[in-house]
Amino acid sequence: MCKKFNAQEKVIAQIREDLVQKNGTIAQLQNRIKELEEGTSQDKTCRRGGRNSRSYNVREYKECPH
């Protein structure tokens, strides 16, 4: 009985660990989607150099003068 219970505990611990890792990955992907939708992602923004830098969102990206 004890050994079986310990084996179940190990399996449960492993599943929890996998879930934590997957949730981390999901959170990263959700952040990436959010960045792309808002246009805050580095590859979708046009930044003007200087002190008064301004970033454009995705819709304005094509019309960015720089």
N, C-alpha and C. Protein backbone atom coordinates (compact mmCIF):
# COMPACT_ATOMS: atom_id res chain seq x y z
N MET A 1 0.83 -1.21 0.00
CA MET A 1 0.00 0.00 0.00
C MET A 1 0.87 1.26 0.00
N CYS A 2 1.87 1.27 0.87
CA CYS A 2 2.74 2.45 0.97
C CYS A 2 3.47 2.71 -0.34
N LYS A 3 4.05 1.66 -0.94
CA LYS A 3 4.82 1.83 -2.17
C LYS A 3 3.92 2.35 -3.29
N LYS A 4 2.71 1.80 -3.38
CA LYS A 4 1.78 2.24 -4.42
C LYS A 4 1.45 3.72 -4.23
N PHE A 5 1.22 4.11 -2.99
CA PHE A 5 0.89 5.50 -2.69
C PHE A 5 2.04 6.42 -3.09
N ASN A 6 3.27 6.02 -2.78
CA ASN A 6 4.44 6.83 -3.14
C ASN A 6 4.57 6.96 -4.65
N ALA A 7 4.27 5.88 -5.37
CA ALA A 7 4.33 5.93 -6.83
C ALA A 7 3.31 6.93 -7.36
N GLN A 8 2.12 6.92 -6.79
CA GLN A 8 1.09 7.87 -7.21
C GLN A 8 1.53 9.30 -6.93
N GLU A 9 2.13 9.50 -5.77
CA GLU A 9 2.63 10.84 -5.42
C GLU A 9 3.64 11.33 -6.46
N LYS A 10 4.54 10.43 -6.87
CA LYS A 10 5.56 10.80 -7.87
C LYS A 10 4.89 11.19 -9.19
N VAL A 11 3.90 10.40 -9.61
CA VAL A 11 3.21 10.69 -10.87
C VAL A 11 2.51 12.04 -10.78
N ILE A 12 1.83 12.28 -9.67
CA ILE A 12 1.12 13.55 -9.47
C ILE A 12 2.11 14.71 -9.49
N ALA A 13 3.24 14.55 -8.82
CA ALA A 13 4.26 15.60 -8.79
C ALA A 13 4.77 15.87 -10.20
N GLN A 14 4.99 14.81 -10.99
CA GLN A 14 5.49 14.97 -12.36
C GLN A 14 4.46 15.71 -13.21
N ILE A 15 3.19 15.34 -13.07
CA ILE A 15 2.12 16.00 -13.83
C ILE A 15 2.06 17.47 -13.47
N ARG A 16 2.16 17.78 -12.18
CA ARG A 16 2.13 19.18 -11.75
C ARG A 16 3.29 19.96 -12.34
N GLU A 17 4.46 19.34 -12.35
CA GLU A 17 5.65 20.00 -12.90
C GLU A 17 5.46 20.28 -14.39
N ASP A 18 4.94 19.27 -15.11
CA ASP A 18 4.66 19.45 -16.55
C ASP A 18 3.68 20.59 -16.77
N LEU A 19 2.65 20.64 -15.93
CA LEU A 19 1.64 21.70 -16.06
C LEU A 19 2.26 23.07 -15.86
N VAL A 20 3.12 23.19 -14.86
CA VAL A 20 3.78 24.48 -14.59
C VAL A 20 4.61 24.90 -15.80
N GLN A 21 5.36 23.95 -16.37
CA GLN A 21 6.18 24.27 -17.55
C GLN A 21 5.31 24.67 -18.73
N LYS A 22 4.22 23.93 -18.95
CA LYS A 22 3.33 24.25 -20.08
C LYS A 22 2.65 25.59 -19.87
N ASN A 23 2.24 25.87 -18.63
CA ASN A 23 1.61 27.16 -18.36
C ASN A 23 2.58 28.30 -18.62
N GLY A 24 3.84 28.09 -18.30
CA GLY A 24 4.85 29.09 -18.59
C GLY A 24 4.95 29.35 -20.09
N THR A 25 4.94 28.26 -20.86
CA THR A 25 5.01 28.37 -22.31
C THR A 25 3.77 29.07 -22.85
N ILE A 26 2.60 28.69 -22.34
CA ILE A 26 1.35 29.31 -22.78
C ILE A 26 1.37 30.79 -22.48
N ALA A 27 1.84 31.16 -21.30
CA ALA A 27 1.90 32.58 -20.92
C ALA A 27 2.82 33.34 -21.88
N GLN A 28 3.96 32.74 -22.25
CA GLN A 28 4.87 33.39 -23.19
C GLN A 28 4.20 33.59 -24.54
N LEU A 29 3.46 32.57 -25.00
CA LEU A 29 2.79 32.67 -26.29
C LEU A 29 1.69 33.73 -26.24
N GLN A 30 0.95 33.77 -25.13
CA GLN A 30 -0.11 34.78 -24.99
C GLN A 30 0.49 36.18 -25.00
N ASN A 31 1.62 36.35 -24.34
CA ASN A 31 2.29 37.66 -24.34
C ASN A 31 2.73 38.03 -25.75
N ARG A 32 3.24 37.05 -26.49
CA ARG A 32 3.69 37.29 -27.86
C ARG A 32 2.51 37.73 -28.74
N ILE A 33 1.37 37.03 -28.59
CA ILE A 33 0.17 37.38 -29.36
C ILE A 33 -0.26 38.79 -29.00
N LYS A 34 -0.25 39.09 -27.72
CA LYS A 34 -0.66 40.42 -27.25
C LYS A 34 0.26 41.50 -27.84
N GLU A 35 1.57 41.23 -27.83
CA GLU A 35 2.53 42.17 -28.41
C GLU A 35 2.24 42.42 -29.88
N LEU A 36 1.97 41.34 -30.61
CA LEU A 36 1.72 41.48 -32.05
C LEU A 36 0.43 42.24 -32.31
N GLU A 37 -0.61 41.95 -31.51
CA GLU A 37 -1.89 42.63 -31.69
C GLU A 37 -1.78 44.12 -31.37
N GLU A 38 -1.04 44.44 -30.33
CA GLU A 38 -0.91 45.84 -29.91
C GLU A 38 0.18 46.57 -30.69
N GLY A 39 0.98 45.82 -31.40
CA GLY A 39 2.06 46.43 -32.16
C GLY A 39 3.24 46.83 -31.29
N THR A 40 3.36 46.23 -30.11
CA THR A 40 4.47 46.59 -29.23
C THR A 40 5.67 45.66 -29.44
N SER A 41 5.51 44.68 -30.32
CA SER A 41 6.60 43.76 -30.60
C SER A 41 7.70 44.49 -31.36
N GLN A 42 8.96 44.17 -31.10
CA GLN A 42 10.08 44.85 -31.73
C GLN A 42 10.05 44.76 -33.25
N ASP A 43 9.63 43.59 -33.79
CA ASP A 43 9.70 43.43 -35.24
C ASP A 43 8.54 44.11 -35.96
N LYS A 44 7.59 44.65 -35.24
CA LYS A 44 6.45 45.29 -35.89
C LYS A 44 6.36 46.77 -35.58
N THR A 45 7.37 47.33 -34.93
CA THR A 45 7.30 48.75 -34.62
C THR A 45 8.36 49.50 -35.39
N CYS A 46 8.05 50.70 -35.71
CA CYS A 46 9.03 51.58 -36.34
C CYS A 46 9.41 52.60 -35.28
N ARG A 47 10.67 52.64 -34.92
CA ARG A 47 11.10 53.57 -33.88
C ARG A 47 11.94 54.68 -34.48
N ARG A 48 11.62 55.87 -34.12
CA ARG A 48 12.43 57.01 -34.54
C ARG A 48 13.46 57.25 -33.46
N GLY A 49 14.68 57.45 -33.84
CA GLY A 49 15.73 57.65 -32.85
C GLY A 49 15.62 58.99 -32.17
N GLY A 50 16.39 59.18 -31.14
CA GLY A 50 16.41 60.46 -30.45
C GLY A 50 15.68 60.41 -29.12
N ARG A 51 15.67 61.56 -28.45
CA ARG A 51 15.11 61.62 -27.11
C ARG A 51 13.59 61.43 -27.13
N ASN A 52 12.93 61.99 -28.13
CA ASN A 52 11.48 61.90 -28.20
C ASN A 52 11.05 60.76 -29.12
N SER A 53 11.58 59.57 -28.85
CA SER A 53 11.26 58.42 -29.68
C SER A 53 9.77 58.11 -29.62
N ARG A 54 9.26 57.69 -30.74
CA ARG A 54 7.84 57.36 -30.79
C ARG A 54 7.70 56.04 -31.52
N SER A 55 6.87 55.16 -30.99
CA SER A 55 6.65 53.89 -31.68
C SER A 55 5.25 53.90 -32.29
N TYR A 56 5.12 53.24 -33.41
CA TYR A 56 3.85 53.19 -34.13
C TYR A 56 3.25 51.81 -33.97
N ASN A 57 1.92 51.74 -33.91
CA ASN A 57 1.31 50.42 -33.81
C ASN A 57 1.25 49.77 -35.19
N VAL A 58 0.76 48.53 -35.24
CA VAL A 58 0.82 47.75 -36.47
C VAL A 58 0.06 48.44 -37.60
N ARG A 59 -1.09 49.04 -37.30
CA ARG A 59 -1.90 49.68 -38.34
C ARG A 59 -1.17 50.87 -38.96
N GLU A 60 -0.41 51.58 -38.13
CA GLU A 60 0.32 52.75 -38.63
C GLU A 60 1.67 52.38 -39.24
N TYR A 61 2.04 51.13 -39.10
CA TYR A 61 3.39 50.71 -39.49
C TYR A 61 3.70 51.04 -40.94
N LYS A 62 2.74 50.78 -41.85
CA LYS A 62 2.98 51.02 -43.28
C LYS A 62 3.15 52.51 -43.57
N GLU A 63 2.50 53.35 -42.77
CA GLU A 63 2.54 54.79 -43.01
C GLU A 63 3.65 55.49 -42.22
N CYS A 64 4.43 54.71 -41.49
CA CYS A 64 5.49 55.29 -40.68
C CYS A 64 6.47 56.04 -41.58
N PRO A 65 6.70 57.33 -41.31
CA PRO A 65 7.54 58.16 -42.19
C PRO A 65 9.03 57.82 -42.12
N HIS A 66 9.45 56.98 -41.18
CA HIS A 66 10.88 56.72 -41.02
C HIS A 66 11.25 55.37 -41.59
